[in-house]
Amino acid sequence: MPRKARVVECSEQERAKLTALANSRTEEARLVERAKMVLDCLSGMEIQAVARRRHVRPNTVITWRDRFAQKGTAGLHDAPRSGKPIKYGTDFRNAVLQTLELPPPAGQACWTVRPWRRI
């Protein structure tokens, strides 16, 4: 026997935000899709039906439904990630910028841009 899906409740304000997000043409597509999944869950659809309708796995529907239940519409955004670690520090960056500001060594060409004069 399948388990009964957890009922998600929200205020009218949250539902209005979700509806606006689901109908948006300027928001990221993944946010729009997540909002549509949550709205389907709020309307009483079963997880399997929402997953089939949205062409995702049932676990995906459960994840976004639970995040919405915990954090509201803010939970539909991606969580921050660490990203690629910094390879060079600020000291190295500042040294490179200082070197670029120095005049070229003797014997090297110096290029200056003068839009009013042909070189």
N, C-alpha and C. Protein backbone atom coordinates (compact mmCIF):
# COMPACT_ATOMS: atom_id res chain seq x y z
N MET A 1 0.84 -1.18 0.00
CA MET A 1 0.00 0.00 0.00
C MET A 1 0.89 1.25 0.00
N PRO A 2 0.67 2.21 -0.92
CA PRO A 2 1.52 3.40 -0.97
C PRO A 2 1.29 4.31 0.23
N ARG A 3 2.37 5.00 0.56
CA ARG A 3 2.26 5.94 1.68
C ARG A 3 1.44 7.14 1.26
N LYS A 4 0.84 7.76 2.23
CA LYS A 4 0.05 8.96 1.98
C LYS A 4 0.99 10.16 1.92
N ALA A 5 0.83 11.00 0.93
CA ALA A 5 1.70 12.17 0.78
C ALA A 5 1.43 13.18 1.88
N ARG A 6 2.49 13.83 2.31
CA ARG A 6 2.36 14.85 3.34
C ARG A 6 1.62 16.06 2.78
N VAL A 7 0.71 16.59 3.54
CA VAL A 7 -0.09 17.73 3.09
C VAL A 7 0.73 19.00 3.33
N VAL A 8 0.84 19.81 2.29
CA VAL A 8 1.56 21.08 2.39
C VAL A 8 0.52 22.19 2.44
N GLU A 9 0.69 23.09 3.37
CA GLU A 9 -0.23 24.22 3.49
C GLU A 9 0.56 25.51 3.32
N CYS A 10 -0.15 26.53 2.83
CA CYS A 10 0.49 27.84 2.71
C CYS A 10 -0.57 28.92 2.77
N SER A 11 -0.10 30.13 3.00
CA SER A 11 -1.02 31.26 3.09
C SER A 11 -1.42 31.71 1.67
N GLU A 12 -2.39 32.59 1.62
CA GLU A 12 -2.82 33.12 0.32
C GLU A 12 -1.71 33.95 -0.32
N GLN A 13 -0.91 34.64 0.51
CA GLN A 13 0.21 35.42 -0.02
C GLN A 13 1.23 34.51 -0.69
N GLU A 14 1.58 33.41 -0.01
CA GLU A 14 2.54 32.47 -0.58
C GLU A 14 1.99 31.85 -1.87
N ARG A 15 0.71 31.52 -1.86
CA ARG A 15 0.11 30.95 -3.07
C ARG A 15 0.14 31.96 -4.22
N ALA A 16 -0.10 33.23 -3.91
CA ALA A 16 -0.04 34.27 -4.95
C ALA A 16 1.37 34.41 -5.49
N LYS A 17 2.37 34.34 -4.60
CA LYS A 17 3.77 34.40 -5.05
C LYS A 17 4.10 33.22 -5.94
N LEU A 18 3.64 32.03 -5.53
CA LEU A 18 3.89 30.83 -6.33
C LEU A 18 3.24 30.92 -7.69
N THR A 19 2.02 31.41 -7.73
CA THR A 19 1.31 31.53 -9.00
C THR A 19 2.02 32.53 -9.92
N ALA A 20 2.44 33.64 -9.35
CA ALA A 20 3.17 34.64 -10.15
C ALA A 20 4.48 34.05 -10.67
N LEU A 21 5.17 33.29 -9.83
CA LEU A 21 6.42 32.67 -10.24
C LEU A 21 6.19 31.61 -11.31
N ALA A 22 5.14 30.81 -11.15
CA ALA A 22 4.84 29.76 -12.12
C ALA A 22 4.43 30.33 -13.48
N ASN A 23 3.83 31.51 -13.49
CA ASN A 23 3.39 32.13 -14.75
C ASN A 23 4.41 33.10 -15.33
N SER A 24 5.54 33.26 -14.66
CA SER A 24 6.54 34.24 -15.08
C SER A 24 7.23 33.81 -16.37
N ARG A 25 7.54 34.80 -17.19
CA ARG A 25 8.30 34.55 -18.41
C ARG A 25 9.71 35.10 -18.29
N THR A 26 10.02 35.75 -17.17
CA THR A 26 11.34 36.34 -17.00
C THR A 26 12.19 35.64 -15.95
N GLU A 27 11.58 34.83 -15.09
CA GLU A 27 12.35 34.10 -14.08
C GLU A 27 13.05 32.91 -14.71
N GLU A 28 14.01 32.35 -13.98
CA GLU A 28 14.72 31.18 -14.47
C GLU A 28 13.73 30.02 -14.65
N ALA A 29 13.95 29.23 -15.68
CA ALA A 29 13.03 28.13 -15.99
C ALA A 29 12.95 27.13 -14.85
N ARG A 30 14.06 26.89 -14.15
CA ARG A 30 14.02 25.91 -13.07
C ARG A 30 13.16 26.40 -11.91
N LEU A 31 13.15 27.72 -11.64
CA LEU A 31 12.30 28.25 -10.58
C LEU A 31 10.83 28.14 -10.97
N VAL A 32 10.53 28.40 -12.22
CA VAL A 32 9.15 28.30 -12.71
C VAL A 32 8.67 26.86 -12.59
N GLU A 33 9.52 25.91 -12.97
CA GLU A 33 9.14 24.50 -12.90
C GLU A 33 8.94 24.05 -11.45
N ARG A 34 9.79 24.51 -10.56
CA ARG A 34 9.64 24.16 -9.14
C ARG A 34 8.35 24.73 -8.57
N ALA A 35 8.03 25.95 -8.94
CA ALA A 35 6.79 26.57 -8.46
C ALA A 35 5.57 25.79 -8.98
N LYS A 36 5.63 25.34 -10.22
CA LYS A 36 4.53 24.55 -10.78
C LYS A 36 4.37 23.23 -10.04
N MET A 37 5.50 22.59 -9.69
CA MET A 37 5.43 21.34 -8.94
C MET A 37 4.75 21.55 -7.59
N VAL A 38 5.15 22.62 -6.89
CA VAL A 38 4.58 22.89 -5.57
C VAL A 38 3.10 23.23 -5.69
N LEU A 39 2.72 24.00 -6.70
CA LEU A 39 1.30 24.32 -6.89
C LEU A 39 0.48 23.06 -7.16
N ASP A 40 1.05 22.14 -7.92
CA ASP A 40 0.34 20.88 -8.15
C ASP A 40 0.16 20.12 -6.84
N CYS A 41 1.20 20.12 -6.00
CA CYS A 41 1.09 19.45 -4.70
C CYS A 41 0.05 20.13 -3.82
N LEU A 42 -0.01 21.46 -3.87
CA LEU A 42 -0.98 22.20 -3.07
C LEU A 42 -2.41 21.95 -3.54
N SER A 43 -2.56 21.64 -4.83
CA SER A 43 -3.90 21.39 -5.35
C SER A 43 -4.41 19.99 -4.99
N GLY A 44 -3.54 19.17 -4.38
CA GLY A 44 -3.96 17.85 -3.93
C GLY A 44 -3.56 16.71 -4.83
N MET A 45 -2.76 16.99 -5.87
CA MET A 45 -2.32 15.91 -6.76
C MET A 45 -1.36 14.99 -6.02
N GLU A 46 -1.34 13.73 -6.41
CA GLU A 46 -0.40 12.77 -5.84
C GLU A 46 0.99 13.02 -6.41
N ILE A 47 2.00 12.61 -5.65
CA ILE A 47 3.39 12.82 -6.05
C ILE A 47 3.67 12.17 -7.41
N GLN A 48 3.20 10.94 -7.60
CA GLN A 48 3.43 10.24 -8.87
C GLN A 48 2.81 10.99 -10.04
N ALA A 49 1.63 11.54 -9.84
CA ALA A 49 0.96 12.27 -10.91
C ALA A 49 1.70 13.57 -11.24
N VAL A 50 2.18 14.26 -10.21
CA VAL A 50 2.95 15.48 -10.44
C VAL A 50 4.23 15.15 -11.19
N ALA A 51 4.89 14.08 -10.77
CA ALA A 51 6.15 13.68 -11.43
C ALA A 51 5.92 13.35 -12.90
N ARG A 52 4.85 12.64 -13.20
CA ARG A 52 4.55 12.32 -14.60
C ARG A 52 4.22 13.59 -15.38
N ARG A 53 3.45 14.46 -14.78
CA ARG A 53 3.03 15.69 -15.47
C ARG A 53 4.21 16.61 -15.76
N ARG A 54 5.15 16.68 -14.82
CA ARG A 54 6.29 17.59 -14.97
C ARG A 54 7.53 16.91 -15.55
N HIS A 55 7.43 15.62 -15.84
CA HIS A 55 8.54 14.85 -16.44
C HIS A 55 9.79 14.87 -15.56
N VAL A 56 9.58 14.63 -14.28
CA VAL A 56 10.69 14.53 -13.32
C VAL A 56 10.47 13.27 -12.48
N ARG A 57 11.45 12.95 -11.68
CA ARG A 57 11.33 11.80 -10.78
C ARG A 57 10.52 12.19 -9.55
N PRO A 58 9.85 11.24 -8.93
CA PRO A 58 9.08 11.55 -7.72
C PRO A 58 9.92 12.14 -6.59
N ASN A 59 11.17 11.70 -6.48
CA ASN A 59 12.05 12.25 -5.45
C ASN A 59 12.27 13.75 -5.63
N THR A 60 12.30 14.20 -6.89
CA THR A 60 12.47 15.63 -7.16
C THR A 60 11.26 16.41 -6.65
N VAL A 61 10.09 15.89 -6.89
CA VAL A 61 8.86 16.55 -6.42
C VAL A 61 8.86 16.62 -4.90
N ILE A 62 9.23 15.53 -4.26
CA ILE A 62 9.26 15.48 -2.80
C ILE A 62 10.27 16.49 -2.25
N THR A 63 11.43 16.57 -2.88
CA THR A 63 12.47 17.51 -2.42
C THR A 63 11.96 18.94 -2.44
N TRP A 64 11.37 19.37 -3.55
CA TRP A 64 10.94 20.76 -3.66
C TRP A 64 9.70 21.04 -2.83
N ARG A 65 8.85 20.05 -2.69
CA ARG A 65 7.69 20.22 -1.81
C ARG A 65 8.14 20.42 -0.36
N ASP A 66 9.10 19.61 0.08
CA ASP A 66 9.59 19.72 1.46
C ASP A 66 10.35 21.02 1.69
N ARG A 67 11.15 21.45 0.71
CA ARG A 67 11.87 22.72 0.87
C ARG A 67 10.90 23.89 0.92
N PHE A 68 9.82 23.81 0.13
CA PHE A 68 8.81 24.86 0.20
C PHE A 68 8.13 24.85 1.56
N ALA A 69 7.85 23.67 2.08
CA ALA A 69 7.19 23.56 3.39
C ALA A 69 8.06 24.15 4.49
N GLN A 70 9.37 24.03 4.37
CA GLN A 70 10.29 24.54 5.39
C GLN A 70 10.56 26.03 5.24
N LYS A 71 10.82 26.49 4.00
CA LYS A 71 11.31 27.85 3.80
C LYS A 71 10.42 28.75 2.96
N GLY A 72 9.30 28.25 2.49
CA GLY A 72 8.43 29.06 1.65
C GLY A 72 9.00 29.20 0.24
N THR A 73 8.65 30.28 -0.43
CA THR A 73 9.13 30.48 -1.81
C THR A 73 10.63 30.67 -1.87
N ALA A 74 11.25 31.12 -0.78
CA ALA A 74 12.71 31.26 -0.75
C ALA A 74 13.39 29.90 -0.86
N GLY A 75 12.71 28.83 -0.44
CA GLY A 75 13.28 27.50 -0.53
C GLY A 75 13.36 26.95 -1.94
N LEU A 76 12.71 27.60 -2.89
CA LEU A 76 12.75 27.12 -4.27
C LEU A 76 14.01 27.54 -5.00
N HIS A 77 14.74 28.49 -4.43
CA HIS A 77 16.00 28.94 -5.04
C HIS A 77 17.10 27.94 -4.72
N ASP A 78 18.14 27.92 -5.55
CA ASP A 78 19.26 27.02 -5.32
C ASP A 78 19.99 27.40 -4.04
N ALA A 79 20.49 26.40 -3.34
CA ALA A 79 21.30 26.65 -2.15
C ALA A 79 22.68 27.13 -2.59
N PRO A 80 23.34 27.97 -1.80
CA PRO A 80 24.67 28.44 -2.19
C PRO A 80 25.66 27.28 -2.23
N ARG A 81 26.57 27.37 -3.15
CA ARG A 81 27.60 26.34 -3.29
C ARG A 81 28.97 26.96 -3.08
N SER A 82 29.92 26.12 -2.78
CA SER A 82 31.26 26.63 -2.47
C SER A 82 31.96 27.15 -3.70
N GLY A 83 31.77 26.54 -4.83
CA GLY A 83 32.42 26.99 -6.05
C GLY A 83 33.87 26.55 -6.12
N LYS A 84 34.53 26.98 -7.16
CA LYS A 84 35.92 26.62 -7.37
C LYS A 84 36.79 27.38 -6.36
N PRO A 85 37.74 26.70 -5.73
CA PRO A 85 38.59 27.40 -4.77
C PRO A 85 39.49 28.42 -5.46
N ILE A 86 39.82 29.47 -4.74
CA ILE A 86 40.67 30.53 -5.28
C ILE A 86 42.08 30.00 -5.46
N LYS A 87 42.65 30.21 -6.65
CA LYS A 87 43.99 29.70 -6.94
C LYS A 87 45.06 30.71 -6.55
N TYR A 88 44.82 31.97 -6.82
CA TYR A 88 45.77 33.02 -6.50
C TYR A 88 45.14 33.98 -5.51
N GLY A 89 45.91 34.46 -4.57
CA GLY A 89 45.40 35.36 -3.56
C GLY A 89 45.40 36.81 -4.01
N THR A 90 44.97 37.69 -3.13
CA THR A 90 44.91 39.11 -3.45
C THR A 90 46.30 39.72 -3.58
N ASP A 91 47.29 39.18 -2.86
CA ASP A 91 48.65 39.71 -2.97
C ASP A 91 49.18 39.53 -4.39
N PHE A 92 48.97 38.33 -4.95
CA PHE A 92 49.43 38.06 -6.31
C PHE A 92 48.70 38.97 -7.31
N ARG A 93 47.41 39.13 -7.13
CA ARG A 93 46.62 39.99 -8.01
C ARG A 93 47.14 41.42 -7.99
N ASN A 94 47.39 41.95 -6.80
CA ASN A 94 47.88 43.32 -6.67
C ASN A 94 49.27 43.46 -7.29
N ALA A 95 50.12 42.44 -7.16
CA ALA A 95 51.46 42.50 -7.77
C ALA A 95 51.36 42.54 -9.29
N VAL A 96 50.46 41.76 -9.86
CA VAL A 96 50.28 41.76 -11.31
C VAL A 96 49.77 43.12 -11.78
N LEU A 97 48.81 43.69 -11.06
CA LEU A 97 48.28 44.99 -11.45
C LEU A 97 49.33 46.09 -11.34
N GLN A 98 50.18 46.02 -10.34
CA GLN A 98 51.26 47.01 -10.22
C GLN A 98 52.25 46.87 -11.36
N THR A 99 52.56 45.64 -11.75
CA THR A 99 53.49 45.40 -12.86
C THR A 99 52.91 45.94 -14.16
N LEU A 100 51.65 45.82 -14.35
CA LEU A 100 51.02 46.32 -15.58
C LEU A 100 51.04 47.84 -15.65
N GLU A 101 51.10 48.49 -14.52
CA GLU A 101 51.13 49.95 -14.49
C GLU A 101 52.51 50.52 -14.76
N LEU A 102 53.56 49.71 -14.68
CA LEU A 102 54.92 50.19 -14.90
C LEU A 102 55.15 50.47 -16.39
N PRO A 103 56.05 51.42 -16.71
CA PRO A 103 56.37 51.66 -18.12
C PRO A 103 57.11 50.45 -18.69
N PRO A 104 57.06 50.25 -20.02
CA PRO A 104 57.72 49.09 -20.61
C PRO A 104 59.25 49.20 -20.47
N PRO A 105 59.94 48.09 -20.47
CA PRO A 105 61.41 48.13 -20.37
C PRO A 105 62.02 48.82 -21.59
N ALA A 106 63.26 49.24 -21.44
CA ALA A 106 63.96 49.93 -22.54
C ALA A 106 64.02 49.01 -23.75
N GLY A 107 63.75 49.55 -24.91
CA GLY A 107 63.80 48.79 -26.14
C GLY A 107 62.48 48.15 -26.52
N GLN A 108 61.50 48.21 -25.67
CA GLN A 108 60.20 47.64 -25.97
C GLN A 108 59.28 48.74 -26.49
N ALA A 109 58.37 48.37 -27.34
CA ALA A 109 57.46 49.34 -27.93
C ALA A 109 56.47 49.83 -26.87
N CYS A 110 56.14 51.11 -26.98
CA CYS A 110 55.15 51.69 -26.10
C CYS A 110 53.97 52.10 -26.97
N TRP A 111 52.85 51.55 -26.72
CA TRP A 111 51.67 51.82 -27.53
C TRP A 111 50.75 52.76 -26.78
N THR A 112 50.46 53.88 -27.39
CA THR A 112 49.49 54.80 -26.81
C THR A 112 48.39 55.01 -27.82
N VAL A 113 47.19 55.12 -27.35
CA VAL A 113 46.05 55.28 -28.23
C VAL A 113 45.70 56.75 -28.30
N ARG A 114 45.75 57.27 -29.52
CA ARG A 114 45.36 58.65 -29.76
C ARG A 114 44.37 58.63 -30.91
N PRO A 115 43.10 58.72 -30.62
CA PRO A 115 42.10 58.58 -31.67
C PRO A 115 42.13 59.69 -32.71
N TRP A 116 42.68 60.86 -32.38
CA TRP A 116 42.68 61.96 -33.32
C TRP A 116 43.90 61.95 -34.25
N ARG A 117 44.83 61.05 -33.99
CA ARG A 117 46.06 61.05 -34.76
C ARG A 117 46.39 59.64 -35.24
N ARG A 118 46.79 59.55 -36.49
CA ARG A 118 47.22 58.26 -37.04
C ARG A 118 48.65 57.99 -36.64
N ILE A 119 48.91 56.75 -36.30
CA ILE A 119 50.28 56.39 -35.91
C ILE A 119 50.91 55.61 -37.03
